[in-house]
Amino acid sequence: SRIGMKHEIDTVKGTIFLKPYLDK
């Protein structure tokens, strides 16, 4: 199964935030 994600990557802090396109 595949879940599409928006991503925000902070290379300074070394963090990645993944938010799904679908709220479920």
PDBML (XML) file of the C-alpha atoms, coordinates in Angstrom:
<?xml version="1.0" encoding="UTF-8" ?>
<PDBx:datablock datablockName="MODEL"
   xmlns:PDBx="http://pdbml.pdb.org/schema/pdbx-v50.xsd"
   xmlns:xsi="http://www.w3.org/2001/XMLSchema-instance"
   xsi:schemaLocation="http://pdbml.pdb.org/schema/pdbx-v50.xsd pdbx-v50.xsd">
   <PDBx:atom_siteCategory>
      <PDBx:atom_site id="1">
         <PDBx:B_iso_or_equiv>0.00</PDBx:B_iso_or_equiv>
         <PDBx:Cartn_x>0.000</PDBx:Cartn_x>
         <PDBx:Cartn_y>0.000</PDBx:Cartn_y>
         <PDBx:Cartn_z>0.000</PDBx:Cartn_z>
         <PDBx:auth_asym_id>A</PDBx:auth_asym_id>
         <PDBx:auth_atom_id>CA</PDBx:auth_atom_id>
         <PDBx:auth_comp_id>SER</PDBx:auth_comp_id>
         <PDBx:auth_seq_id>1</PDBx:auth_seq_id>
         <PDBx:group_PDB>ATOM</PDBx:group_PDB>
         <PDBx:label_alt_id xsi:nil="true" />
         <PDBx:label_asym_id>A</PDBx:label_asym_id>
         <PDBx:label_atom_id>CA</PDBx:label_atom_id>
         <PDBx:label_comp_id>SER</PDBx:label_comp_id>
         <PDBx:label_entity_id>1</PDBx:label_entity_id>
         <PDBx:label_seq_id>1</PDBx:label_seq_id>
         <PDBx:occupancy>1.00</PDBx:occupancy>
         <PDBx:pdbx_PDB_model_num>1</PDBx:pdbx_PDB_model_num>
         <PDBx:type_symbol>C</PDBx:type_symbol>
      </PDBx:atom_site>
      <PDBx:atom_site id="2">
         <PDBx:B_iso_or_equiv>0.00</PDBx:B_iso_or_equiv>
         <PDBx:Cartn_x>1.263</PDBx:Cartn_x>
         <PDBx:Cartn_y>3.476</PDBx:Cartn_y>
         <PDBx:Cartn_z>-0.850</PDBx:Cartn_z>
         <PDBx:auth_asym_id>A</PDBx:auth_asym_id>
         <PDBx:auth_atom_id>CA</PDBx:auth_atom_id>
         <PDBx:auth_comp_id>ARG</PDBx:auth_comp_id>
         <PDBx:auth_seq_id>2</PDBx:auth_seq_id>
         <PDBx:group_PDB>ATOM</PDBx:group_PDB>
         <PDBx:label_alt_id xsi:nil="true" />
         <PDBx:label_asym_id>A</PDBx:label_asym_id>
         <PDBx:label_atom_id>CA</PDBx:label_atom_id>
         <PDBx:label_comp_id>ARG</PDBx:label_comp_id>
         <PDBx:label_entity_id>1</PDBx:label_entity_id>
         <PDBx:label_seq_id>2</PDBx:label_seq_id>
         <PDBx:occupancy>1.00</PDBx:occupancy>
         <PDBx:pdbx_PDB_model_num>1</PDBx:pdbx_PDB_model_num>
         <PDBx:type_symbol>C</PDBx:type_symbol>
      </PDBx:atom_site>
      <PDBx:atom_site id="3">
         <PDBx:B_iso_or_equiv>0.00</PDBx:B_iso_or_equiv>
         <PDBx:Cartn_x>0.774</PDBx:Cartn_x>
         <PDBx:Cartn_y>6.695</PDBx:Cartn_y>
         <PDBx:Cartn_z>1.130</PDBx:Cartn_z>
         <PDBx:auth_asym_id>A</PDBx:auth_asym_id>
         <PDBx:auth_atom_id>CA</PDBx:auth_atom_id>
         <PDBx:auth_comp_id>ILE</PDBx:auth_comp_id>
         <PDBx:auth_seq_id>3</PDBx:auth_seq_id>
         <PDBx:group_PDB>ATOM</PDBx:group_PDB>
         <PDBx:label_alt_id xsi:nil="true" />
         <PDBx:label_asym_id>A</PDBx:label_asym_id>
         <PDBx:label_atom_id>CA</PDBx:label_atom_id>
         <PDBx:label_comp_id>ILE</PDBx:label_comp_id>
         <PDBx:label_entity_id>1</PDBx:label_entity_id>
         <PDBx:label_seq_id>3</PDBx:label_seq_id>
         <PDBx:occupancy>1.00</PDBx:occupancy>
         <PDBx:pdbx_PDB_model_num>1</PDBx:pdbx_PDB_model_num>
         <PDBx:type_symbol>C</PDBx:type_symbol>
      </PDBx:atom_site>
      <PDBx:atom_site id="4">
         <PDBx:B_iso_or_equiv>0.00</PDBx:B_iso_or_equiv>
         <PDBx:Cartn_x>1.612</PDBx:Cartn_x>
         <PDBx:Cartn_y>10.001</PDBx:Cartn_y>
         <PDBx:Cartn_z>-0.521</PDBx:Cartn_z>
         <PDBx:auth_asym_id>A</PDBx:auth_asym_id>
         <PDBx:auth_atom_id>CA</PDBx:auth_atom_id>
         <PDBx:auth_comp_id>GLY</PDBx:auth_comp_id>
         <PDBx:auth_seq_id>4</PDBx:auth_seq_id>
         <PDBx:group_PDB>ATOM</PDBx:group_PDB>
         <PDBx:label_alt_id xsi:nil="true" />
         <PDBx:label_asym_id>A</PDBx:label_asym_id>
         <PDBx:label_atom_id>CA</PDBx:label_atom_id>
         <PDBx:label_comp_id>GLY</PDBx:label_comp_id>
         <PDBx:label_entity_id>1</PDBx:label_entity_id>
         <PDBx:label_seq_id>4</PDBx:label_seq_id>
         <PDBx:occupancy>1.00</PDBx:occupancy>
         <PDBx:pdbx_PDB_model_num>1</PDBx:pdbx_PDB_model_num>
         <PDBx:type_symbol>C</PDBx:type_symbol>
      </PDBx:atom_site>
      <PDBx:atom_site id="5">
         <PDBx:B_iso_or_equiv>0.00</PDBx:B_iso_or_equiv>
         <PDBx:Cartn_x>3.262</PDBx:Cartn_x>
         <PDBx:Cartn_y>12.561</PDBx:Cartn_y>
         <PDBx:Cartn_z>1.740</PDBx:Cartn_z>
         <PDBx:auth_asym_id>A</PDBx:auth_asym_id>
         <PDBx:auth_atom_id>CA</PDBx:auth_atom_id>
         <PDBx:auth_comp_id>MET</PDBx:auth_comp_id>
         <PDBx:auth_seq_id>5</PDBx:auth_seq_id>
         <PDBx:group_PDB>ATOM</PDBx:group_PDB>
         <PDBx:label_alt_id xsi:nil="true" />
         <PDBx:label_asym_id>A</PDBx:label_asym_id>
         <PDBx:label_atom_id>CA</PDBx:label_atom_id>
         <PDBx:label_comp_id>MET</PDBx:label_comp_id>
         <PDBx:label_entity_id>1</PDBx:label_entity_id>
         <PDBx:label_seq_id>5</PDBx:label_seq_id>
         <PDBx:occupancy>1.00</PDBx:occupancy>
         <PDBx:pdbx_PDB_model_num>1</PDBx:pdbx_PDB_model_num>
         <PDBx:type_symbol>C</PDBx:type_symbol>
      </PDBx:atom_site>
      <PDBx:atom_site id="6">
         <PDBx:B_iso_or_equiv>0.00</PDBx:B_iso_or_equiv>
         <PDBx:Cartn_x>4.236</PDBx:Cartn_x>
         <PDBx:Cartn_y>16.211</PDBx:Cartn_y>
         <PDBx:Cartn_z>1.766</PDBx:Cartn_z>
         <PDBx:auth_asym_id>A</PDBx:auth_asym_id>
         <PDBx:auth_atom_id>CA</PDBx:auth_atom_id>
         <PDBx:auth_comp_id>LYS</PDBx:auth_comp_id>
         <PDBx:auth_seq_id>6</PDBx:auth_seq_id>
         <PDBx:group_PDB>ATOM</PDBx:group_PDB>
         <PDBx:label_alt_id xsi:nil="true" />
         <PDBx:label_asym_id>A</PDBx:label_asym_id>
         <PDBx:label_atom_id>CA</PDBx:label_atom_id>
         <PDBx:label_comp_id>LYS</PDBx:label_comp_id>
         <PDBx:label_entity_id>1</PDBx:label_entity_id>
         <PDBx:label_seq_id>6</PDBx:label_seq_id>
         <PDBx:occupancy>1.00</PDBx:occupancy>
         <PDBx:pdbx_PDB_model_num>1</PDBx:pdbx_PDB_model_num>
         <PDBx:type_symbol>C</PDBx:type_symbol>
      </PDBx:atom_site>
      <PDBx:atom_site id="7">
         <PDBx:B_iso_or_equiv>0.00</PDBx:B_iso_or_equiv>
         <PDBx:Cartn_x>7.644</PDBx:Cartn_x>
         <PDBx:Cartn_y>16.680</PDBx:Cartn_y>
         <PDBx:Cartn_z>3.310</PDBx:Cartn_z>
         <PDBx:auth_asym_id>A</PDBx:auth_asym_id>
         <PDBx:auth_atom_id>CA</PDBx:auth_atom_id>
         <PDBx:auth_comp_id>HIS</PDBx:auth_comp_id>
         <PDBx:auth_seq_id>7</PDBx:auth_seq_id>
         <PDBx:group_PDB>ATOM</PDBx:group_PDB>
         <PDBx:label_alt_id xsi:nil="true" />
         <PDBx:label_asym_id>A</PDBx:label_asym_id>
         <PDBx:label_atom_id>CA</PDBx:label_atom_id>
         <PDBx:label_comp_id>HIS</PDBx:label_comp_id>
         <PDBx:label_entity_id>1</PDBx:label_entity_id>
         <PDBx:label_seq_id>7</PDBx:label_seq_id>
         <PDBx:occupancy>1.00</PDBx:occupancy>
         <PDBx:pdbx_PDB_model_num>1</PDBx:pdbx_PDB_model_num>
         <PDBx:type_symbol>C</PDBx:type_symbol>
      </PDBx:atom_site>
      <PDBx:atom_site id="8">
         <PDBx:B_iso_or_equiv>0.00</PDBx:B_iso_or_equiv>
         <PDBx:Cartn_x>9.516</PDBx:Cartn_x>
         <PDBx:Cartn_y>19.426</PDBx:Cartn_y>
         <PDBx:Cartn_z>5.126</PDBx:Cartn_z>
         <PDBx:auth_asym_id>A</PDBx:auth_asym_id>
         <PDBx:auth_atom_id>CA</PDBx:auth_atom_id>
         <PDBx:auth_comp_id>GLU</PDBx:auth_comp_id>
         <PDBx:auth_seq_id>8</PDBx:auth_seq_id>
         <PDBx:group_PDB>ATOM</PDBx:group_PDB>
         <PDBx:label_alt_id xsi:nil="true" />
         <PDBx:label_asym_id>A</PDBx:label_asym_id>
         <PDBx:label_atom_id>CA</PDBx:label_atom_id>
         <PDBx:label_comp_id>GLU</PDBx:label_comp_id>
         <PDBx:label_entity_id>1</PDBx:label_entity_id>
         <PDBx:label_seq_id>8</PDBx:label_seq_id>
         <PDBx:occupancy>1.00</PDBx:occupancy>
         <PDBx:pdbx_PDB_model_num>1</PDBx:pdbx_PDB_model_num>
         <PDBx:type_symbol>C</PDBx:type_symbol>
      </PDBx:atom_site>
      <PDBx:atom_site id="9">
         <PDBx:B_iso_or_equiv>0.00</PDBx:B_iso_or_equiv>
         <PDBx:Cartn_x>13.218</PDBx:Cartn_x>
         <PDBx:Cartn_y>18.802</PDBx:Cartn_y>
         <PDBx:Cartn_z>5.595</PDBx:Cartn_z>
         <PDBx:auth_asym_id>A</PDBx:auth_asym_id>
         <PDBx:auth_atom_id>CA</PDBx:auth_atom_id>
         <PDBx:auth_comp_id>ILE</PDBx:auth_comp_id>
         <PDBx:auth_seq_id>9</PDBx:auth_seq_id>
         <PDBx:group_PDB>ATOM</PDBx:group_PDB>
         <PDBx:label_alt_id xsi:nil="true" />
         <PDBx:label_asym_id>A</PDBx:label_asym_id>
         <PDBx:label_atom_id>CA</PDBx:label_atom_id>
         <PDBx:label_comp_id>ILE</PDBx:label_comp_id>
         <PDBx:label_entity_id>1</PDBx:label_entity_id>
         <PDBx:label_seq_id>9</PDBx:label_seq_id>
         <PDBx:occupancy>1.00</PDBx:occupancy>
         <PDBx:pdbx_PDB_model_num>1</PDBx:pdbx_PDB_model_num>
         <PDBx:type_symbol>C</PDBx:type_symbol>
      </PDBx:atom_site>
      <PDBx:atom_site id="10">
         <PDBx:B_iso_or_equiv>0.00</PDBx:B_iso_or_equiv>
         <PDBx:Cartn_x>15.424</PDBx:Cartn_x>
         <PDBx:Cartn_y>20.877</PDBx:Cartn_y>
         <PDBx:Cartn_z>7.903</PDBx:Cartn_z>
         <PDBx:auth_asym_id>A</PDBx:auth_asym_id>
         <PDBx:auth_atom_id>CA</PDBx:auth_atom_id>
         <PDBx:auth_comp_id>ASP</PDBx:auth_comp_id>
         <PDBx:auth_seq_id>10</PDBx:auth_seq_id>
         <PDBx:group_PDB>ATOM</PDBx:group_PDB>
         <PDBx:label_alt_id xsi:nil="true" />
         <PDBx:label_asym_id>A</PDBx:label_asym_id>
         <PDBx:label_atom_id>CA</PDBx:label_atom_id>
         <PDBx:label_comp_id>ASP</PDBx:label_comp_id>
         <PDBx:label_entity_id>1</PDBx:label_entity_id>
         <PDBx:label_seq_id>10</PDBx:label_seq_id>
         <PDBx:occupancy>1.00</PDBx:occupancy>
         <PDBx:pdbx_PDB_model_num>1</PDBx:pdbx_PDB_model_num>
         <PDBx:type_symbol>C</PDBx:type_symbol>
      </PDBx:atom_site>
      <PDBx:atom_site id="11">
         <PDBx:B_iso_or_equiv>0.00</PDBx:B_iso_or_equiv>
         <PDBx:Cartn_x>19.020</PDBx:Cartn_x>
         <PDBx:Cartn_y>19.967</PDBx:Cartn_y>
         <PDBx:Cartn_z>7.143</PDBx:Cartn_z>
         <PDBx:auth_asym_id>A</PDBx:auth_asym_id>
         <PDBx:auth_atom_id>CA</PDBx:auth_atom_id>
         <PDBx:auth_comp_id>THR</PDBx:auth_comp_id>
         <PDBx:auth_seq_id>11</PDBx:auth_seq_id>
         <PDBx:group_PDB>ATOM</PDBx:group_PDB>
         <PDBx:label_alt_id xsi:nil="true" />
         <PDBx:label_asym_id>A</PDBx:label_asym_id>
         <PDBx:label_atom_id>CA</PDBx:label_atom_id>
         <PDBx:label_comp_id>THR</PDBx:label_comp_id>
         <PDBx:label_entity_id>1</PDBx:label_entity_id>
         <PDBx:label_seq_id>11</PDBx:label_seq_id>
         <PDBx:occupancy>1.00</PDBx:occupancy>
         <PDBx:pdbx_PDB_model_num>1</PDBx:pdbx_PDB_model_num>
         <PDBx:type_symbol>C</PDBx:type_symbol>
      </PDBx:atom_site>
      <PDBx:atom_site id="12">
         <PDBx:B_iso_or_equiv>0.00</PDBx:B_iso_or_equiv>
         <PDBx:Cartn_x>20.345</PDBx:Cartn_x>
         <PDBx:Cartn_y>22.236</PDBx:Cartn_y>
         <PDBx:Cartn_z>9.925</PDBx:Cartn_z>
         <PDBx:auth_asym_id>A</PDBx:auth_asym_id>
         <PDBx:auth_atom_id>CA</PDBx:auth_atom_id>
         <PDBx:auth_comp_id>VAL</PDBx:auth_comp_id>
         <PDBx:auth_seq_id>12</PDBx:auth_seq_id>
         <PDBx:group_PDB>ATOM</PDBx:group_PDB>
         <PDBx:label_alt_id xsi:nil="true" />
         <PDBx:label_asym_id>A</PDBx:label_asym_id>
         <PDBx:label_atom_id>CA</PDBx:label_atom_id>
         <PDBx:label_comp_id>VAL</PDBx:label_comp_id>
         <PDBx:label_entity_id>1</PDBx:label_entity_id>
         <PDBx:label_seq_id>12</PDBx:label_seq_id>
         <PDBx:occupancy>1.00</PDBx:occupancy>
         <PDBx:pdbx_PDB_model_num>1</PDBx:pdbx_PDB_model_num>
         <PDBx:type_symbol>C</PDBx:type_symbol>
      </PDBx:atom_site>
      <PDBx:atom_site id="13">
         <PDBx:B_iso_or_equiv>0.00</PDBx:B_iso_or_equiv>
         <PDBx:Cartn_x>18.307</PDBx:Cartn_x>
         <PDBx:Cartn_y>20.641</PDBx:Cartn_y>
         <PDBx:Cartn_z>12.713</PDBx:Cartn_z>
         <PDBx:auth_asym_id>A</PDBx:auth_asym_id>
         <PDBx:auth_atom_id>CA</PDBx:auth_atom_id>
         <PDBx:auth_comp_id>LYS</PDBx:auth_comp_id>
         <PDBx:auth_seq_id>13</PDBx:auth_seq_id>
         <PDBx:group_PDB>ATOM</PDBx:group_PDB>
         <PDBx:label_alt_id xsi:nil="true" />
         <PDBx:label_asym_id>A</PDBx:label_asym_id>
         <PDBx:label_atom_id>CA</PDBx:label_atom_id>
         <PDBx:label_comp_id>LYS</PDBx:label_comp_id>
         <PDBx:label_entity_id>1</PDBx:label_entity_id>
         <PDBx:label_seq_id>13</PDBx:label_seq_id>
         <PDBx:occupancy>1.00</PDBx:occupancy>
         <PDBx:pdbx_PDB_model_num>1</PDBx:pdbx_PDB_model_num>
         <PDBx:type_symbol>C</PDBx:type_symbol>
      </PDBx:atom_site>
      <PDBx:atom_site id="14">
         <PDBx:B_iso_or_equiv>0.00</PDBx:B_iso_or_equiv>
         <PDBx:Cartn_x>18.358</PDBx:Cartn_x>
         <PDBx:Cartn_y>17.230</PDBx:Cartn_y>
         <PDBx:Cartn_z>11.056</PDBx:Cartn_z>
         <PDBx:auth_asym_id>A</PDBx:auth_asym_id>
         <PDBx:auth_atom_id>CA</PDBx:auth_atom_id>
         <PDBx:auth_comp_id>GLY</PDBx:auth_comp_id>
         <PDBx:auth_seq_id>14</PDBx:auth_seq_id>
         <PDBx:group_PDB>ATOM</PDBx:group_PDB>
         <PDBx:label_alt_id xsi:nil="true" />
         <PDBx:label_asym_id>A</PDBx:label_asym_id>
         <PDBx:label_atom_id>CA</PDBx:label_atom_id>
         <PDBx:label_comp_id>GLY</PDBx:label_comp_id>
         <PDBx:label_entity_id>1</PDBx:label_entity_id>
         <PDBx:label_seq_id>14</PDBx:label_seq_id>
         <PDBx:occupancy>1.00</PDBx:occupancy>
         <PDBx:pdbx_PDB_model_num>1</PDBx:pdbx_PDB_model_num>
         <PDBx:type_symbol>C</PDBx:type_symbol>
      </PDBx:atom_site>
      <PDBx:atom_site id="15">
         <PDBx:B_iso_or_equiv>0.00</PDBx:B_iso_or_equiv>
         <PDBx:Cartn_x>14.590</PDBx:Cartn_x>
         <PDBx:Cartn_y>16.773</PDBx:Cartn_y>
         <PDBx:Cartn_z>11.026</PDBx:Cartn_z>
         <PDBx:auth_asym_id>A</PDBx:auth_asym_id>
         <PDBx:auth_atom_id>CA</PDBx:auth_atom_id>
         <PDBx:auth_comp_id>THR</PDBx:auth_comp_id>
         <PDBx:auth_seq_id>15</PDBx:auth_seq_id>
         <PDBx:group_PDB>ATOM</PDBx:group_PDB>
         <PDBx:label_alt_id xsi:nil="true" />
         <PDBx:label_asym_id>A</PDBx:label_asym_id>
         <PDBx:label_atom_id>CA</PDBx:label_atom_id>
         <PDBx:label_comp_id>THR</PDBx:label_comp_id>
         <PDBx:label_entity_id>1</PDBx:label_entity_id>
         <PDBx:label_seq_id>15</PDBx:label_seq_id>
         <PDBx:occupancy>1.00</PDBx:occupancy>
         <PDBx:pdbx_PDB_model_num>1</PDBx:pdbx_PDB_model_num>
         <PDBx:type_symbol>C</PDBx:type_symbol>
      </PDBx:atom_site>
      <PDBx:atom_site id="16">
         <PDBx:B_iso_or_equiv>0.00</PDBx:B_iso_or_equiv>
         <PDBx:Cartn_x>12.022</PDBx:Cartn_x>
         <PDBx:Cartn_y>15.628</PDBx:Cartn_y>
         <PDBx:Cartn_z>8.502</PDBx:Cartn_z>
         <PDBx:auth_asym_id>A</PDBx:auth_asym_id>
         <PDBx:auth_atom_id>CA</PDBx:auth_atom_id>
         <PDBx:auth_comp_id>ILE</PDBx:auth_comp_id>
         <PDBx:auth_seq_id>16</PDBx:auth_seq_id>
         <PDBx:group_PDB>ATOM</PDBx:group_PDB>
         <PDBx:label_alt_id xsi:nil="true" />
         <PDBx:label_asym_id>A</PDBx:label_asym_id>
         <PDBx:label_atom_id>CA</PDBx:label_atom_id>
         <PDBx:label_comp_id>ILE</PDBx:label_comp_id>
         <PDBx:label_entity_id>1</PDBx:label_entity_id>
         <PDBx:label_seq_id>16</PDBx:label_seq_id>
         <PDBx:occupancy>1.00</PDBx:occupancy>
         <PDBx:pdbx_PDB_model_num>1</PDBx:pdbx_PDB_model_num>
         <PDBx:type_symbol>C</PDBx:type_symbol>
      </PDBx:atom_site>
      <PDBx:atom_site id="17">
         <PDBx:B_iso_or_equiv>0.00</PDBx:B_iso_or_equiv>
         <PDBx:Cartn_x>8.255</PDBx:Cartn_x>
         <PDBx:Cartn_y>16.129</PDBx:Cartn_y>
         <PDBx:Cartn_z>8.779</PDBx:Cartn_z>
         <PDBx:auth_asym_id>A</PDBx:auth_asym_id>
         <PDBx:auth_atom_id>CA</PDBx:auth_atom_id>
         <PDBx:auth_comp_id>PHE</PDBx:auth_comp_id>
         <PDBx:auth_seq_id>17</PDBx:auth_seq_id>
         <PDBx:group_PDB>ATOM</PDBx:group_PDB>
         <PDBx:label_alt_id xsi:nil="true" />
         <PDBx:label_asym_id>A</PDBx:label_asym_id>
         <PDBx:label_atom_id>CA</PDBx:label_atom_id>
         <PDBx:label_comp_id>PHE</PDBx:label_comp_id>
         <PDBx:label_entity_id>1</PDBx:label_entity_id>
         <PDBx:label_seq_id>17</PDBx:label_seq_id>
         <PDBx:occupancy>1.00</PDBx:occupancy>
         <PDBx:pdbx_PDB_model_num>1</PDBx:pdbx_PDB_model_num>
         <PDBx:type_symbol>C</PDBx:type_symbol>
      </PDBx:atom_site>
      <PDBx:atom_site id="18">
         <PDBx:B_iso_or_equiv>0.00</PDBx:B_iso_or_equiv>
         <PDBx:Cartn_x>5.939</PDBx:Cartn_x>
         <PDBx:Cartn_y>13.899</PDBx:Cartn_y>
         <PDBx:Cartn_z>6.740</PDBx:Cartn_z>
         <PDBx:auth_asym_id>A</PDBx:auth_asym_id>
         <PDBx:auth_atom_id>CA</PDBx:auth_atom_id>
         <PDBx:auth_comp_id>LEU</PDBx:auth_comp_id>
         <PDBx:auth_seq_id>18</PDBx:auth_seq_id>
         <PDBx:group_PDB>ATOM</PDBx:group_PDB>
         <PDBx:label_alt_id xsi:nil="true" />
         <PDBx:label_asym_id>A</PDBx:label_asym_id>
         <PDBx:label_atom_id>CA</PDBx:label_atom_id>
         <PDBx:label_comp_id>LEU</PDBx:label_comp_id>
         <PDBx:label_entity_id>1</PDBx:label_entity_id>
         <PDBx:label_seq_id>18</PDBx:label_seq_id>
         <PDBx:occupancy>1.00</PDBx:occupancy>
         <PDBx:pdbx_PDB_model_num>1</PDBx:pdbx_PDB_model_num>
         <PDBx:type_symbol>C</PDBx:type_symbol>
      </PDBx:atom_site>
      <PDBx:atom_site id="19">
         <PDBx:B_iso_or_equiv>0.00</PDBx:B_iso_or_equiv>
         <PDBx:Cartn_x>2.314</PDBx:Cartn_x>
         <PDBx:Cartn_y>14.973</PDBx:Cartn_y>
         <PDBx:Cartn_z>6.368</PDBx:Cartn_z>
         <PDBx:auth_asym_id>A</PDBx:auth_asym_id>
         <PDBx:auth_atom_id>CA</PDBx:auth_atom_id>
         <PDBx:auth_comp_id>LYS</PDBx:auth_comp_id>
         <PDBx:auth_seq_id>19</PDBx:auth_seq_id>
         <PDBx:group_PDB>ATOM</PDBx:group_PDB>
         <PDBx:label_alt_id xsi:nil="true" />
         <PDBx:label_asym_id>A</PDBx:label_asym_id>
         <PDBx:label_atom_id>CA</PDBx:label_atom_id>
         <PDBx:label_comp_id>LYS</PDBx:label_comp_id>
         <PDBx:label_entity_id>1</PDBx:label_entity_id>
         <PDBx:label_seq_id>19</PDBx:label_seq_id>
         <PDBx:occupancy>1.00</PDBx:occupancy>
         <PDBx:pdbx_PDB_model_num>1</PDBx:pdbx_PDB_model_num>
         <PDBx:type_symbol>C</PDBx:type_symbol>
      </PDBx:atom_site>
      <PDBx:atom_site id="20">
         <PDBx:B_iso_or_equiv>0.00</PDBx:B_iso_or_equiv>
         <PDBx:Cartn_x>-0.111</PDBx:Cartn_x>
         <PDBx:Cartn_y>12.767</PDBx:Cartn_y>
         <PDBx:Cartn_z>4.388</PDBx:Cartn_z>
         <PDBx:auth_asym_id>A</PDBx:auth_asym_id>
         <PDBx:auth_atom_id>CA</PDBx:auth_atom_id>
         <PDBx:auth_comp_id>PRO</PDBx:auth_comp_id>
         <PDBx:auth_seq_id>20</PDBx:auth_seq_id>
         <PDBx:group_PDB>ATOM</PDBx:group_PDB>
         <PDBx:label_alt_id xsi:nil="true" />
         <PDBx:label_asym_id>A</PDBx:label_asym_id>
         <PDBx:label_atom_id>CA</PDBx:label_atom_id>
         <PDBx:label_comp_id>PRO</PDBx:label_comp_id>
         <PDBx:label_entity_id>1</PDBx:label_entity_id>
         <PDBx:label_seq_id>20</PDBx:label_seq_id>
         <PDBx:occupancy>1.00</PDBx:occupancy>
         <PDBx:pdbx_PDB_model_num>1</PDBx:pdbx_PDB_model_num>
         <PDBx:type_symbol>C</PDBx:type_symbol>
      </PDBx:atom_site>
      <PDBx:atom_site id="21">
         <PDBx:B_iso_or_equiv>0.00</PDBx:B_iso_or_equiv>
         <PDBx:Cartn_x>-2.186</PDBx:Cartn_x>
         <PDBx:Cartn_y>14.171</PDBx:Cartn_y>
         <PDBx:Cartn_z>1.542</PDBx:Cartn_z>
         <PDBx:auth_asym_id>A</PDBx:auth_asym_id>
         <PDBx:auth_atom_id>CA</PDBx:auth_atom_id>
         <PDBx:auth_comp_id>TYR</PDBx:auth_comp_id>
         <PDBx:auth_seq_id>21</PDBx:auth_seq_id>
         <PDBx:group_PDB>ATOM</PDBx:group_PDB>
         <PDBx:label_alt_id xsi:nil="true" />
         <PDBx:label_asym_id>A</PDBx:label_asym_id>
         <PDBx:label_atom_id>CA</PDBx:label_atom_id>
         <PDBx:label_comp_id>TYR</PDBx:label_comp_id>
         <PDBx:label_entity_id>1</PDBx:label_entity_id>
         <PDBx:label_seq_id>21</PDBx:label_seq_id>
         <PDBx:occupancy>1.00</PDBx:occupancy>
         <PDBx:pdbx_PDB_model_num>1</PDBx:pdbx_PDB_model_num>
         <PDBx:type_symbol>C</PDBx:type_symbol>
      </PDBx:atom_site>
      <PDBx:atom_site id="22">
         <PDBx:B_iso_or_equiv>0.00</PDBx:B_iso_or_equiv>
         <PDBx:Cartn_x>-5.171</PDBx:Cartn_x>
         <PDBx:Cartn_y>12.242</PDBx:Cartn_y>
         <PDBx:Cartn_z>2.943</PDBx:Cartn_z>
         <PDBx:auth_asym_id>A</PDBx:auth_asym_id>
         <PDBx:auth_atom_id>CA</PDBx:auth_atom_id>
         <PDBx:auth_comp_id>LEU</PDBx:auth_comp_id>
         <PDBx:auth_seq_id>22</PDBx:auth_seq_id>
         <PDBx:group_PDB>ATOM</PDBx:group_PDB>
         <PDBx:label_alt_id xsi:nil="true" />
         <PDBx:label_asym_id>A</PDBx:label_asym_id>
         <PDBx:label_atom_id>CA</PDBx:label_atom_id>
         <PDBx:label_comp_id>LEU</PDBx:label_comp_id>
         <PDBx:label_entity_id>1</PDBx:label_entity_id>
         <PDBx:label_seq_id>22</PDBx:label_seq_id>
         <PDBx:occupancy>1.00</PDBx:occupancy>
         <PDBx:pdbx_PDB_model_num>1</PDBx:pdbx_PDB_model_num>
         <PDBx:type_symbol>C</PDBx:type_symbol>
      </PDBx:atom_site>
      <PDBx:atom_site id="23">
         <PDBx:B_iso_or_equiv>0.00</PDBx:B_iso_or_equiv>
         <PDBx:Cartn_x>-6.298</PDBx:Cartn_x>
         <PDBx:Cartn_y>12.952</PDBx:Cartn_y>
         <PDBx:Cartn_z>6.495</PDBx:Cartn_z>
         <PDBx:auth_asym_id>A</PDBx:auth_asym_id>
         <PDBx:auth_atom_id>CA</PDBx:auth_atom_id>
         <PDBx:auth_comp_id>ASP</PDBx:auth_comp_id>
         <PDBx:auth_seq_id>23</PDBx:auth_seq_id>
         <PDBx:group_PDB>ATOM</PDBx:group_PDB>
         <PDBx:label_alt_id xsi:nil="true" />
         <PDBx:label_asym_id>A</PDBx:label_asym_id>
         <PDBx:label_atom_id>CA</PDBx:label_atom_id>
         <PDBx:label_comp_id>ASP</PDBx:label_comp_id>
         <PDBx:label_entity_id>1</PDBx:label_entity_id>
         <PDBx:label_seq_id>23</PDBx:label_seq_id>
         <PDBx:occupancy>1.00</PDBx:occupancy>
         <PDBx:pdbx_PDB_model_num>1</PDBx:pdbx_PDB_model_num>
         <PDBx:type_symbol>C</PDBx:type_symbol>
      </PDBx:atom_site>
      <PDBx:atom_site id="24">
         <PDBx:B_iso_or_equiv>0.00</PDBx:B_iso_or_equiv>
         <PDBx:Cartn_x>-6.950</PDBx:Cartn_x>
         <PDBx:Cartn_y>9.291</PDBx:Cartn_y>
         <PDBx:Cartn_z>7.318</PDBx:Cartn_z>
         <PDBx:auth_asym_id>A</PDBx:auth_asym_id>
         <PDBx:auth_atom_id>CA</PDBx:auth_atom_id>
         <PDBx:auth_comp_id>LYS</PDBx:auth_comp_id>
         <PDBx:auth_seq_id>24</PDBx:auth_seq_id>
         <PDBx:group_PDB>ATOM</PDBx:group_PDB>
         <PDBx:label_alt_id xsi:nil="true" />
         <PDBx:label_asym_id>A</PDBx:label_asym_id>
         <PDBx:label_atom_id>CA</PDBx:label_atom_id>
         <PDBx:label_comp_id>LYS</PDBx:label_comp_id>
         <PDBx:label_entity_id>1</PDBx:label_entity_id>
         <PDBx:label_seq_id>24</PDBx:label_seq_id>
         <PDBx:occupancy>1.00</PDBx:occupancy>
         <PDBx:pdbx_PDB_model_num>1</PDBx:pdbx_PDB_model_num>
         <PDBx:type_symbol>C</PDBx:type_symbol>
      </PDBx:atom_site>
   </PDBx:atom_siteCategory>
</PDBx:datablock>
